[in-house]
Amino acid sequence: MKLVPVFLIAAAFIPVADAQHISVGIAAGFPLTDGMSDFSSVANQITTHDYSNSKLYILGPMIEVRLPLSLAIEVNALYRPLNLTIDSQTGLGPIIRTSHDYSSWEFPVLGKYRLPLLPVVKPFVEAGPSFRAKGSSLSYLSGRGFSLGGGIEVKILRLRIAPVLRYTHWGSDSTVTGIICTGPCVTIPTTAPASNQNQAEFLVGLSF
């Protein structure tokens, strides 16, 4: 996946930073949904069950440029490992389990609007495109999606604490192909563990 669009969008707001306030910090939290879909299949008397065995964590830096009219642009670089567990069973034999955690970085670019209700506590909503970089083993997963969320920001002196619930819908995974030879070799679609296109997470942003 090319991350150029992410940095181009972020760079577009650098000139604004001279006149507006910038906040930097970290965001941390945990997924509320599995990264991979729960799917079972049977082929040649082999039963396979693909799923996520754990939801792990989310962590990464954040930067926000506050604009007039209670608007802002926030960019995150969030590390979110994806767990893929596969249970395989031949006939009535023993279940063989393999489980791996794969690297995944998510880059949401979000427009935010704070409701100007109270000076210390401000509810907000956010929405924008999300991009994802994955390890080579999961390169077929979609790298583009759309996120939206809502939360409450509390300001204590210069520290801003912002818990948020965020939903992301990822695009469809790419088709995985393989090569089979029974004479001439041909390329055929193959079944691969699918990602969960609809994902939710809880995050807390700490920024200054």
N, C-alpha and C. Protein backbone atom coordinates (compact mmCIF):
# COMPACT_ATOMS: atom_id res chain seq x y z
N MET A 1 0.83 -1.19 0.00
CA MET A 1 0.00 0.00 0.00
C MET A 1 0.87 1.24 0.00
N LYS A 2 0.52 2.24 -0.81
CA LYS A 2 1.27 3.48 -0.84
C LYS A 2 0.70 4.43 0.20
N LEU A 3 1.61 4.99 1.03
CA LEU A 3 1.18 5.88 2.09
C LEU A 3 1.33 7.34 1.69
N VAL A 4 1.69 7.59 0.42
CA VAL A 4 1.89 8.96 -0.04
C VAL A 4 0.67 9.83 0.20
N PRO A 5 -0.59 9.34 -0.09
CA PRO A 5 -1.75 10.20 0.14
C PRO A 5 -1.87 10.68 1.57
N VAL A 6 -1.49 9.85 2.53
CA VAL A 6 -1.59 10.23 3.94
C VAL A 6 -0.71 11.43 4.23
N PHE A 7 0.55 11.36 3.78
CA PHE A 7 1.49 12.42 4.09
C PHE A 7 1.21 13.68 3.28
N LEU A 8 0.64 13.53 2.08
CA LEU A 8 0.26 14.70 1.29
C LEU A 8 -0.87 15.45 1.98
N ILE A 9 -1.83 14.72 2.51
CA ILE A 9 -2.94 15.37 3.21
C ILE A 9 -2.43 16.09 4.46
N ALA A 10 -1.56 15.39 5.22
CA ALA A 10 -1.03 16.00 6.44
C ALA A 10 -0.19 17.23 6.11
N ALA A 11 0.64 17.13 5.05
CA ALA A 11 1.52 18.24 4.68
C ALA A 11 0.73 19.46 4.23
N ALA A 12 -0.47 19.25 3.69
CA ALA A 12 -1.28 20.35 3.21
C ALA A 12 -1.67 21.31 4.32
N PHE A 13 -1.63 20.83 5.56
CA PHE A 13 -2.04 21.66 6.68
C PHE A 13 -0.87 22.26 7.44
N ILE A 14 0.35 21.99 7.02
CA ILE A 14 1.52 22.54 7.70
C ILE A 14 1.53 24.07 7.67
N PRO A 15 1.21 24.72 6.51
CA PRO A 15 1.19 26.18 6.53
C PRO A 15 0.18 26.74 7.51
N VAL A 16 -0.93 26.04 7.73
CA VAL A 16 -1.94 26.50 8.66
C VAL A 16 -1.41 26.53 10.08
N ALA A 17 -0.42 25.66 10.36
CA ALA A 17 0.09 25.51 11.72
C ALA A 17 0.70 26.79 12.25
N ASP A 18 1.18 27.68 11.34
CA ASP A 18 1.79 28.91 11.79
C ASP A 18 0.76 29.81 12.47
N ALA A 19 -0.52 29.69 12.04
CA ALA A 19 -1.54 30.57 12.58
C ALA A 19 -2.47 29.86 13.55
N GLN A 20 -2.42 28.57 13.58
CA GLN A 20 -3.32 27.80 14.44
C GLN A 20 -2.50 26.92 15.37
N HIS A 21 -3.16 26.44 16.41
CA HIS A 21 -2.47 25.66 17.43
C HIS A 21 -2.35 24.20 17.01
N ILE A 22 -1.18 23.61 17.30
CA ILE A 22 -0.95 22.20 17.02
C ILE A 22 -0.85 21.44 18.33
N SER A 23 -1.52 20.30 18.39
CA SER A 23 -1.40 19.40 19.53
C SER A 23 -0.71 18.11 19.08
N VAL A 24 0.21 17.62 19.89
CA VAL A 24 0.85 16.33 19.62
C VAL A 24 0.72 15.47 20.86
N GLY A 25 0.70 14.16 20.64
CA GLY A 25 0.56 13.26 21.77
C GLY A 25 0.53 11.82 21.32
N ILE A 26 -0.13 10.99 22.10
CA ILE A 26 -0.25 9.58 21.78
C ILE A 26 -1.71 9.16 21.94
N ALA A 27 -2.05 8.09 21.23
CA ALA A 27 -3.37 7.47 21.36
C ALA A 27 -3.15 6.00 21.69
N ALA A 28 -3.92 5.48 22.62
CA ALA A 28 -3.78 4.10 23.04
C ALA A 28 -5.17 3.54 23.35
N GLY A 29 -5.32 2.24 23.12
CA GLY A 29 -6.61 1.62 23.41
C GLY A 29 -6.61 0.17 22.99
N PHE A 30 -7.80 -0.32 22.69
CA PHE A 30 -7.93 -1.73 22.34
C PHE A 30 -9.09 -1.91 21.36
N PRO A 31 -9.01 -2.93 20.50
CA PRO A 31 -10.09 -3.21 19.57
C PRO A 31 -11.30 -3.78 20.31
N LEU A 32 -12.48 -3.45 19.81
CA LEU A 32 -13.71 -4.04 20.32
C LEU A 32 -14.19 -5.19 19.44
N THR A 33 -13.59 -5.32 18.27
CA THR A 33 -13.94 -6.38 17.32
C THR A 33 -12.67 -7.08 16.86
N ASP A 34 -12.80 -8.30 16.38
CA ASP A 34 -11.65 -9.05 15.89
C ASP A 34 -11.15 -8.49 14.57
N GLY A 35 -9.85 -8.62 14.34
CA GLY A 35 -9.29 -8.15 13.09
C GLY A 35 -9.57 -9.08 11.92
N MET A 36 -9.75 -10.37 12.20
CA MET A 36 -10.00 -11.36 11.15
C MET A 36 -11.40 -11.95 11.33
N SER A 37 -12.01 -12.33 10.22
CA SER A 37 -13.35 -12.92 10.27
C SER A 37 -13.29 -14.35 10.81
N ASP A 38 -14.37 -14.75 11.44
CA ASP A 38 -14.52 -16.12 11.92
C ASP A 38 -15.13 -16.95 10.79
N PHE A 39 -14.36 -17.91 10.26
CA PHE A 39 -14.80 -18.64 9.07
C PHE A 39 -14.35 -20.09 9.15
N SER A 40 -15.26 -21.00 8.82
CA SER A 40 -14.96 -22.43 8.80
C SER A 40 -15.22 -22.99 7.41
N SER A 41 -14.41 -23.96 6.99
CA SER A 41 -14.58 -24.59 5.69
C SER A 41 -14.16 -26.05 5.79
N VAL A 42 -14.69 -26.87 4.86
CA VAL A 42 -14.35 -28.30 4.79
C VAL A 42 -13.96 -28.62 3.35
N ALA A 43 -12.78 -29.22 3.19
CA ALA A 43 -12.31 -29.62 1.86
C ALA A 43 -11.41 -30.84 2.01
N ASN A 44 -11.69 -31.88 1.22
CA ASN A 44 -10.89 -33.11 1.24
C ASN A 44 -10.80 -33.70 2.65
N GLN A 45 -11.93 -33.69 3.36
CA GLN A 45 -12.05 -34.22 4.71
C GLN A 45 -11.23 -33.46 5.74
N ILE A 46 -10.79 -32.26 5.39
CA ILE A 46 -10.04 -31.41 6.33
C ILE A 46 -10.93 -30.22 6.70
N THR A 47 -11.21 -30.10 7.98
CA THR A 47 -12.00 -28.97 8.49
C THR A 47 -11.05 -27.88 8.97
N THR A 48 -11.25 -26.66 8.47
CA THR A 48 -10.39 -25.53 8.83
C THR A 48 -11.24 -24.43 9.45
N HIS A 49 -10.77 -23.90 10.56
CA HIS A 49 -11.46 -22.81 11.25
C HIS A 49 -10.48 -21.65 11.40
N ASP A 50 -10.76 -20.53 10.72
CA ASP A 50 -9.93 -19.33 10.79
C ASP A 50 -10.61 -18.30 11.70
N TYR A 51 -9.85 -17.67 12.60
CA TYR A 51 -10.42 -16.67 13.50
C TYR A 51 -9.30 -15.92 14.21
N SER A 52 -9.69 -14.87 14.94
CA SER A 52 -8.74 -14.14 15.79
C SER A 52 -8.86 -14.67 17.21
N ASN A 53 -7.72 -15.01 17.79
CA ASN A 53 -7.72 -15.58 19.13
C ASN A 53 -7.57 -14.52 20.21
N SER A 54 -7.18 -13.32 19.82
CA SER A 54 -7.04 -12.22 20.78
C SER A 54 -7.15 -10.90 20.05
N LYS A 55 -7.52 -9.85 20.80
CA LYS A 55 -7.70 -8.52 20.21
C LYS A 55 -6.49 -7.62 20.45
N LEU A 56 -5.58 -8.01 21.33
CA LEU A 56 -4.33 -7.31 21.56
C LEU A 56 -4.53 -5.84 21.91
N TYR A 57 -3.86 -4.89 21.22
CA TYR A 57 -3.87 -3.49 21.65
C TYR A 57 -3.68 -2.59 20.44
N ILE A 58 -3.82 -1.27 20.68
CA ILE A 58 -3.61 -0.24 19.66
C ILE A 58 -2.80 0.87 20.32
N LEU A 59 -1.75 1.36 19.62
CA LEU A 59 -0.89 2.37 20.22
C LEU A 59 -0.16 3.13 19.12
N GLY A 60 -0.05 4.46 19.28
CA GLY A 60 0.71 5.22 18.31
C GLY A 60 0.62 6.72 18.53
N PRO A 61 1.44 7.49 17.81
CA PRO A 61 1.44 8.95 17.93
C PRO A 61 0.26 9.59 17.21
N MET A 62 -0.05 10.81 17.61
CA MET A 62 -1.12 11.56 16.98
C MET A 62 -0.70 13.02 16.88
N ILE A 63 -1.24 13.70 15.89
CA ILE A 63 -1.03 15.14 15.74
C ILE A 63 -2.33 15.77 15.30
N GLU A 64 -2.62 16.93 15.84
CA GLU A 64 -3.87 17.63 15.51
C GLU A 64 -3.60 19.10 15.23
N VAL A 65 -4.21 19.60 14.18
CA VAL A 65 -4.16 21.02 13.86
C VAL A 65 -5.56 21.59 14.09
N ARG A 66 -5.68 22.49 15.06
CA ARG A 66 -6.98 23.08 15.34
C ARG A 66 -7.21 24.28 14.43
N LEU A 67 -8.41 24.31 13.87
CA LEU A 67 -8.80 25.32 12.90
C LEU A 67 -9.91 26.19 13.48
N PRO A 68 -10.28 27.25 12.77
CA PRO A 68 -11.40 28.08 13.26
C PRO A 68 -12.71 27.31 13.25
N LEU A 69 -13.72 27.89 13.89
CA LEU A 69 -15.09 27.37 13.90
C LEU A 69 -15.19 26.00 14.56
N SER A 70 -14.35 25.74 15.56
CA SER A 70 -14.36 24.48 16.32
C SER A 70 -13.99 23.27 15.47
N LEU A 71 -13.31 23.47 14.36
CA LEU A 71 -12.88 22.39 13.48
C LEU A 71 -11.43 22.04 13.73
N ALA A 72 -11.03 20.83 13.32
CA ALA A 72 -9.64 20.38 13.47
C ALA A 72 -9.39 19.25 12.49
N ILE A 73 -8.12 19.01 12.24
CA ILE A 73 -7.66 17.86 11.46
C ILE A 73 -6.73 17.03 12.35
N GLU A 74 -7.04 15.74 12.49
CA GLU A 74 -6.21 14.85 13.29
C GLU A 74 -5.67 13.71 12.44
N VAL A 75 -4.38 13.43 12.59
CA VAL A 75 -3.75 12.32 11.88
C VAL A 75 -3.12 11.39 12.92
N ASN A 76 -3.41 10.10 12.82
CA ASN A 76 -2.84 9.10 13.71
C ASN A 76 -1.95 8.15 12.94
N ALA A 77 -0.97 7.57 13.63
CA ALA A 77 -0.19 6.45 13.11
C ALA A 77 -0.26 5.37 14.18
N LEU A 78 -1.20 4.43 14.02
CA LEU A 78 -1.54 3.49 15.07
C LEU A 78 -1.03 2.09 14.73
N TYR A 79 -0.24 1.54 15.63
CA TYR A 79 0.20 0.16 15.48
C TYR A 79 -0.85 -0.76 16.06
N ARG A 80 -1.38 -1.66 15.23
CA ARG A 80 -2.38 -2.61 15.70
C ARG A 80 -2.03 -4.01 15.19
N PRO A 81 -1.45 -4.85 16.03
CA PRO A 81 -1.17 -6.22 15.58
C PRO A 81 -2.47 -6.99 15.36
N LEU A 82 -2.47 -7.82 14.31
CA LEU A 82 -3.63 -8.64 13.97
C LEU A 82 -3.32 -10.10 14.27
N ASN A 83 -4.17 -10.73 15.04
CA ASN A 83 -3.98 -12.15 15.35
C ASN A 83 -4.76 -13.01 14.37
N LEU A 84 -4.12 -14.05 13.85
CA LEU A 84 -4.78 -15.03 13.00
C LEU A 84 -4.49 -16.42 13.57
N THR A 85 -5.54 -17.10 13.97
CA THR A 85 -5.44 -18.46 14.49
C THR A 85 -6.17 -19.41 13.54
N ILE A 86 -5.54 -20.54 13.24
CA ILE A 86 -6.12 -21.53 12.32
C ILE A 86 -6.14 -22.88 13.02
N ASP A 87 -7.34 -23.45 13.15
CA ASP A 87 -7.52 -24.80 13.67
C ASP A 87 -7.81 -25.73 12.50
N SER A 88 -7.00 -26.78 12.35
CA SER A 88 -7.19 -27.74 11.27
C SER A 88 -7.41 -29.13 11.86
N GLN A 89 -8.35 -29.86 11.26
CA GLN A 89 -8.66 -31.22 11.74
C GLN A 89 -8.96 -32.11 10.54
N THR A 90 -8.25 -33.23 10.46
CA THR A 90 -8.49 -34.20 9.40
C THR A 90 -9.40 -35.30 9.94
N GLY A 91 -10.60 -35.40 9.36
CA GLY A 91 -11.56 -36.39 9.82
C GLY A 91 -11.88 -36.19 11.29
N LEU A 92 -11.73 -37.26 12.09
CA LEU A 92 -11.96 -37.19 13.53
C LEU A 92 -10.65 -37.11 14.30
N GLY A 93 -9.58 -36.77 13.59
CA GLY A 93 -8.26 -36.70 14.21
C GLY A 93 -8.12 -35.50 15.13
N PRO A 94 -6.93 -35.33 15.70
CA PRO A 94 -6.70 -34.21 16.63
C PRO A 94 -6.73 -32.86 15.90
N ILE A 95 -7.06 -31.83 16.65
CA ILE A 95 -7.06 -30.46 16.12
C ILE A 95 -5.64 -29.89 16.21
N ILE A 96 -5.15 -29.42 15.09
CA ILE A 96 -3.83 -28.80 15.03
C ILE A 96 -4.03 -27.28 14.95
N ARG A 97 -3.47 -26.57 15.91
CA ARG A 97 -3.68 -25.12 15.99
C ARG A 97 -2.39 -24.36 15.71
N THR A 98 -2.48 -23.35 14.87
CA THR A 98 -1.38 -22.41 14.64
C THR A 98 -1.91 -21.00 14.89
N SER A 99 -1.09 -20.17 15.54
CA SER A 99 -1.52 -18.82 15.86
C SER A 99 -0.36 -17.85 15.70
N HIS A 100 -0.60 -16.75 14.99
CA HIS A 100 0.45 -15.76 14.76
C HIS A 100 -0.13 -14.36 14.91
N ASP A 101 0.71 -13.43 15.37
CA ASP A 101 0.36 -12.02 15.41
C ASP A 101 1.12 -11.31 14.30
N TYR A 102 0.40 -10.57 13.45
CA TYR A 102 1.00 -9.92 12.30
C TYR A 102 0.98 -8.40 12.49
N SER A 103 2.02 -7.75 11.99
CA SER A 103 2.13 -6.30 12.11
C SER A 103 1.10 -5.60 11.23
N SER A 104 0.55 -4.52 11.75
CA SER A 104 -0.40 -3.71 10.99
C SER A 104 -0.34 -2.29 11.51
N TRP A 105 -0.22 -1.32 10.60
CA TRP A 105 -0.25 0.10 10.94
C TRP A 105 -1.47 0.74 10.29
N GLU A 106 -2.21 1.53 11.07
CA GLU A 106 -3.38 2.23 10.54
C GLU A 106 -3.14 3.73 10.61
N PHE A 107 -3.55 4.44 9.53
CA PHE A 107 -3.31 5.88 9.41
C PHE A 107 -4.62 6.61 9.11
N PRO A 108 -5.46 6.84 10.12
CA PRO A 108 -6.67 7.62 9.89
C PRO A 108 -6.36 9.11 9.77
N VAL A 109 -7.01 9.77 8.82
CA VAL A 109 -6.89 11.21 8.62
C VAL A 109 -8.30 11.77 8.83
N LEU A 110 -8.52 12.41 9.97
CA LEU A 110 -9.88 12.68 10.43
C LEU A 110 -10.16 14.17 10.54
N GLY A 111 -11.30 14.58 9.99
CA GLY A 111 -11.83 15.90 10.28
C GLY A 111 -12.63 15.84 11.57
N LYS A 112 -12.43 16.81 12.46
CA LYS A 112 -13.10 16.81 13.78
C LYS A 112 -13.90 18.10 13.96
N TYR A 113 -15.01 17.94 14.67
CA TYR A 113 -15.80 19.10 15.05
C TYR A 113 -16.13 18.99 16.53
N ARG A 114 -15.71 20.00 17.29
CA ARG A 114 -16.00 20.05 18.72
C ARG A 114 -17.27 20.87 18.95
N LEU A 115 -18.17 20.32 19.74
CA LEU A 115 -19.38 21.05 20.08
C LEU A 115 -19.04 22.09 21.14
N PRO A 116 -19.20 23.37 20.83
CA PRO A 116 -18.79 24.44 21.77
C PRO A 116 -19.81 24.62 22.88
N LEU A 117 -19.87 23.64 23.79
CA LEU A 117 -20.86 23.68 24.87
C LEU A 117 -20.26 24.17 26.17
N LEU A 118 -19.15 23.55 26.59
CA LEU A 118 -18.52 23.88 27.86
C LEU A 118 -17.05 24.19 27.63
N PRO A 119 -16.44 25.03 28.44
CA PRO A 119 -15.03 25.39 28.22
C PRO A 119 -14.05 24.27 28.55
N VAL A 120 -14.41 23.38 29.47
CA VAL A 120 -13.48 22.33 29.90
C VAL A 120 -13.81 20.99 29.25
N VAL A 121 -15.07 20.65 29.12
CA VAL A 121 -15.51 19.38 28.54
C VAL A 121 -16.18 19.66 27.20
N LYS A 122 -15.64 19.05 26.13
CA LYS A 122 -16.17 19.30 24.79
C LYS A 122 -16.45 17.96 24.08
N PRO A 123 -17.71 17.63 23.82
CA PRO A 123 -18.00 16.48 22.96
C PRO A 123 -17.52 16.77 21.53
N PHE A 124 -17.17 15.73 20.80
CA PHE A 124 -16.71 15.93 19.42
C PHE A 124 -17.12 14.73 18.56
N VAL A 125 -17.16 14.98 17.27
CA VAL A 125 -17.38 13.94 16.27
C VAL A 125 -16.23 14.01 15.28
N GLU A 126 -15.94 12.89 14.62
CA GLU A 126 -14.81 12.83 13.69
C GLU A 126 -15.14 11.88 12.55
N ALA A 127 -14.56 12.13 11.39
CA ALA A 127 -14.77 11.26 10.23
C ALA A 127 -13.69 11.54 9.20
N GLY A 128 -13.33 10.50 8.43
CA GLY A 128 -12.34 10.67 7.39
C GLY A 128 -11.79 9.35 6.89
N PRO A 129 -10.93 9.38 5.87
CA PRO A 129 -10.37 8.15 5.31
C PRO A 129 -9.33 7.54 6.23
N SER A 130 -9.18 6.22 6.13
CA SER A 130 -8.15 5.49 6.86
C SER A 130 -7.35 4.65 5.88
N PHE A 131 -6.06 4.53 6.16
CA PHE A 131 -5.17 3.74 5.33
C PHE A 131 -4.46 2.72 6.23
N ARG A 132 -4.07 1.61 5.63
CA ARG A 132 -3.48 0.53 6.43
C ARG A 132 -2.29 -0.09 5.70
N ALA A 133 -1.21 -0.29 6.45
CA ALA A 133 -0.03 -1.00 5.95
C ALA A 133 0.08 -2.31 6.71
N LYS A 134 0.26 -3.42 5.97
CA LYS A 134 0.27 -4.75 6.59
C LYS A 134 1.57 -5.46 6.28
N GLY A 135 1.87 -6.50 7.06
CA GLY A 135 2.98 -7.37 6.77
C GLY A 135 2.72 -8.16 5.50
N SER A 136 3.77 -8.71 4.91
CA SER A 136 3.64 -9.41 3.63
C SER A 136 2.69 -10.60 3.71
N SER A 137 2.59 -11.23 4.87
CA SER A 137 1.72 -12.39 5.00
C SER A 137 0.25 -12.03 4.87
N LEU A 138 -0.09 -10.77 5.16
CA LEU A 138 -1.48 -10.31 5.05
C LEU A 138 -1.60 -9.18 4.03
N SER A 139 -0.74 -9.20 3.03
CA SER A 139 -0.72 -8.12 2.04
C SER A 139 -2.01 -8.04 1.24
N TYR A 140 -2.78 -9.11 1.19
CA TYR A 140 -4.02 -9.12 0.42
C TYR A 140 -5.16 -8.40 1.13
N LEU A 141 -5.00 -8.07 2.42
CA LEU A 141 -6.05 -7.34 3.13
C LEU A 141 -6.20 -5.94 2.57
N SER A 142 -7.40 -5.42 2.63
CA SER A 142 -7.66 -4.08 2.12
C SER A 142 -6.82 -3.05 2.88
N GLY A 143 -6.30 -2.07 2.15
CA GLY A 143 -5.50 -1.03 2.77
C GLY A 143 -6.20 0.31 2.86
N ARG A 144 -7.49 0.36 2.48
CA ARG A 144 -8.21 1.63 2.49
C ARG A 144 -9.58 1.44 3.13
N GLY A 145 -9.98 2.43 3.92
CA GLY A 145 -11.27 2.36 4.57
C GLY A 145 -11.76 3.74 4.93
N PHE A 146 -12.83 3.78 5.71
CA PHE A 146 -13.41 5.05 6.15
C PHE A 146 -13.75 4.92 7.63
N SER A 147 -13.38 5.94 8.40
CA SER A 147 -13.59 5.91 9.85
C SER A 147 -14.51 7.03 10.28
N LEU A 148 -15.27 6.76 11.32
CA LEU A 148 -16.05 7.80 11.98
C LEU A 148 -16.16 7.45 13.46
N GLY A 149 -16.32 8.48 14.27
CA GLY A 149 -16.36 8.24 15.70
C GLY A 149 -16.86 9.44 16.46
N GLY A 150 -16.89 9.28 17.77
CA GLY A 150 -17.32 10.36 18.64
C GLY A 150 -16.75 10.15 20.03
N GLY A 151 -16.55 11.26 20.74
CA GLY A 151 -15.98 11.16 22.08
C GLY A 151 -16.14 12.45 22.84
N ILE A 152 -15.41 12.56 23.93
CA ILE A 152 -15.45 13.73 24.79
C ILE A 152 -14.01 14.13 25.11
N GLU A 153 -13.72 15.40 24.95
CA GLU A 153 -12.40 15.91 25.29
C GLU A 153 -12.47 16.70 26.59
N VAL A 154 -11.56 16.36 27.52
CA VAL A 154 -11.46 17.06 28.80
C VAL A 154 -10.11 17.75 28.86
N LYS A 155 -10.09 19.03 29.14
CA LYS A 155 -8.84 19.79 29.21
C LYS A 155 -8.50 20.08 30.66
N ILE A 156 -7.31 19.62 31.10
CA ILE A 156 -6.79 19.88 32.43
C ILE A 156 -5.47 20.61 32.27
N LEU A 157 -5.47 21.92 32.56
CA LEU A 157 -4.32 22.78 32.27
C LEU A 157 -4.00 22.67 30.78
N ARG A 158 -2.82 22.17 30.40
CA ARG A 158 -2.50 22.03 28.98
C ARG A 158 -2.79 20.63 28.44
N LEU A 159 -3.04 19.70 29.32
CA LEU A 159 -3.27 18.31 28.91
C LEU A 159 -4.70 18.13 28.41
N ARG A 160 -4.83 17.50 27.26
CA ARG A 160 -6.13 17.17 26.69
C ARG A 160 -6.30 15.65 26.72
N ILE A 161 -7.35 15.19 27.37
CA ILE A 161 -7.68 13.77 27.47
C ILE A 161 -8.95 13.53 26.66
N ALA A 162 -8.87 12.63 25.67
CA ALA A 162 -9.99 12.48 24.74
C ALA A 162 -10.31 11.00 24.51
N PRO A 163 -11.18 10.40 25.31
CA PRO A 163 -11.65 9.04 25.00
C PRO A 163 -12.61 9.09 23.81
N VAL A 164 -12.50 8.10 22.93
CA VAL A 164 -13.31 8.09 21.71
C VAL A 164 -13.67 6.66 21.32
N LEU A 165 -14.88 6.48 20.83
CA LEU A 165 -15.29 5.23 20.19
C LEU A 165 -15.22 5.46 18.68
N ARG A 166 -14.50 4.57 17.98
CA ARG A 166 -14.28 4.76 16.53
C ARG A 166 -14.66 3.51 15.76
N TYR A 167 -15.34 3.73 14.65
CA TYR A 167 -15.75 2.64 13.75
C TYR A 167 -15.04 2.82 12.41
N THR A 168 -14.51 1.73 11.86
CA THR A 168 -13.85 1.77 10.55
C THR A 168 -14.41 0.67 9.67
N HIS A 169 -14.77 1.05 8.46
CA HIS A 169 -15.19 0.07 7.46
C HIS A 169 -14.07 -0.03 6.42
N TRP A 170 -13.46 -1.21 6.30
CA TRP A 170 -12.40 -1.44 5.34
C TRP A 170 -12.97 -1.97 4.03
N GLY A 171 -12.28 -1.70 2.94
CA GLY A 171 -12.70 -2.21 1.64
C GLY A 171 -12.52 -3.72 1.55
N SER A 172 -12.94 -4.28 0.43
CA SER A 172 -12.85 -5.73 0.23
C SER A 172 -11.40 -6.16 0.07
N ASP A 173 -11.09 -7.35 0.55
CA ASP A 173 -9.75 -7.90 0.39
C ASP A 173 -9.47 -8.21 -1.07
N SER A 174 -8.19 -8.24 -1.42
CA SER A 174 -7.80 -8.63 -2.77
C SER A 174 -7.95 -10.14 -2.96
N THR A 175 -8.13 -10.55 -4.19
CA THR A 175 -8.21 -11.98 -4.50
C THR A 175 -6.83 -12.61 -4.42
N VAL A 176 -6.72 -13.70 -3.71
CA VAL A 176 -5.45 -14.43 -3.59
C VAL A 176 -5.44 -15.53 -4.64
N THR A 177 -4.35 -15.63 -5.38
CA THR A 177 -4.27 -16.62 -6.45
C THR A 177 -3.15 -17.61 -6.19
N GLY A 178 -3.28 -18.78 -6.77
CA GLY A 178 -2.24 -19.81 -6.69
C GLY A 178 -2.05 -20.43 -8.07
N ILE A 179 -1.04 -21.24 -8.20
CA ILE A 179 -0.71 -21.88 -9.48
C ILE A 179 -0.84 -23.39 -9.33
N ILE A 180 -1.59 -23.99 -10.23
CA ILE A 180 -1.74 -25.44 -10.23
C ILE A 180 -1.33 -25.98 -11.60
N CYS A 181 -0.62 -27.08 -11.60
CA CYS A 181 -0.11 -27.65 -12.84
C CYS A 181 -0.59 -29.10 -12.99
N THR A 182 -1.39 -29.34 -13.99
CA THR A 182 -1.77 -30.70 -14.39
C THR A 182 -1.57 -30.78 -15.90
N GLY A 183 -0.35 -30.55 -16.30
CA GLY A 183 -0.03 -30.29 -17.70
C GLY A 183 0.34 -28.83 -17.77
N PRO A 184 -0.44 -28.03 -18.51
CA PRO A 184 -0.19 -26.58 -18.51
C PRO A 184 -0.51 -25.99 -17.14
N CYS A 185 0.30 -25.05 -16.71
CA CYS A 185 0.08 -24.40 -15.43
C CYS A 185 -0.93 -23.26 -15.58
N VAL A 186 -1.87 -23.17 -14.65
CA VAL A 186 -2.86 -22.11 -14.70
C VAL A 186 -2.92 -21.45 -13.32
N THR A 187 -3.30 -20.18 -13.32
CA THR A 187 -3.47 -19.43 -12.08
C THR A 187 -4.93 -19.49 -11.67
N ILE A 188 -5.19 -19.88 -10.43
CA ILE A 188 -6.56 -20.01 -9.96
C ILE A 188 -6.73 -19.25 -8.66
N PRO A 189 -7.95 -18.75 -8.37
CA PRO A 189 -8.20 -18.11 -7.07
C PRO A 189 -8.10 -19.15 -5.95
N THR A 190 -7.57 -18.74 -4.82
CA THR A 190 -7.47 -19.63 -3.66
C THR A 190 -8.13 -18.96 -2.46
N THR A 191 -8.50 -19.75 -1.48
CA THR A 191 -9.15 -19.23 -0.28
C THR A 191 -8.11 -18.79 0.73
N ALA A 192 -8.27 -17.58 1.25
CA ALA A 192 -7.36 -17.05 2.27
C ALA A 192 -8.19 -16.51 3.42
N PRO A 193 -7.65 -16.52 4.64
CA PRO A 193 -8.40 -15.96 5.78
C PRO A 193 -8.82 -14.52 5.50
N ALA A 194 -10.08 -14.23 5.71
CA ALA A 194 -10.62 -12.90 5.39
C ALA A 194 -10.54 -11.97 6.59
N SER A 195 -10.38 -10.70 6.30
CA SER A 195 -10.37 -9.71 7.37
C SER A 195 -11.80 -9.37 7.77
N ASN A 196 -11.94 -8.81 8.94
CA ASN A 196 -13.21 -8.27 9.39
C ASN A 196 -13.33 -6.85 8.86
N GLN A 197 -14.21 -6.64 7.89
CA GLN A 197 -14.31 -5.32 7.25
C GLN A 197 -14.87 -4.26 8.19
N ASN A 198 -15.68 -4.66 9.15
CA ASN A 198 -16.29 -3.71 10.09
C ASN A 198 -15.61 -3.85 11.45
N GLN A 199 -14.87 -2.80 11.81
CA GLN A 199 -14.10 -2.87 13.04
C GLN A 199 -14.41 -1.67 13.93
N ALA A 200 -14.44 -1.93 15.23
CA ALA A 200 -14.67 -0.87 16.21
C ALA A 200 -13.55 -0.92 17.25
N GLU A 201 -13.27 0.24 17.82
CA GLU A 201 -12.18 0.30 18.79
C GLU A 201 -12.45 1.43 19.80
N PHE A 202 -11.84 1.29 20.96
CA PHE A 202 -11.89 2.33 21.98
C PHE A 202 -10.48 2.88 22.17
N LEU A 203 -10.35 4.19 22.06
CA LEU A 203 -9.05 4.84 22.18
C LEU A 203 -9.12 5.99 23.16
N VAL A 204 -7.99 6.28 23.77
CA VAL A 204 -7.85 7.47 24.61
C VAL A 204 -6.66 8.27 24.09
N GLY A 205 -6.91 9.50 23.68
CA GLY A 205 -5.85 10.37 23.22
C GLY A 205 -5.35 11.27 24.34
N LEU A 206 -4.02 11.36 24.47
CA LEU A 206 -3.39 12.27 25.44
C LEU A 206 -2.51 13.22 24.65
N SER A 207 -2.81 14.50 24.69
CA SER A 207 -2.06 15.45 23.87
C SER A 207 -1.88 16.77 24.60
N PHE A 208 -0.90 17.55 24.10
CA PHE A 208 -0.63 18.88 24.64
C PHE A 208 -0.70 19.90 23.53
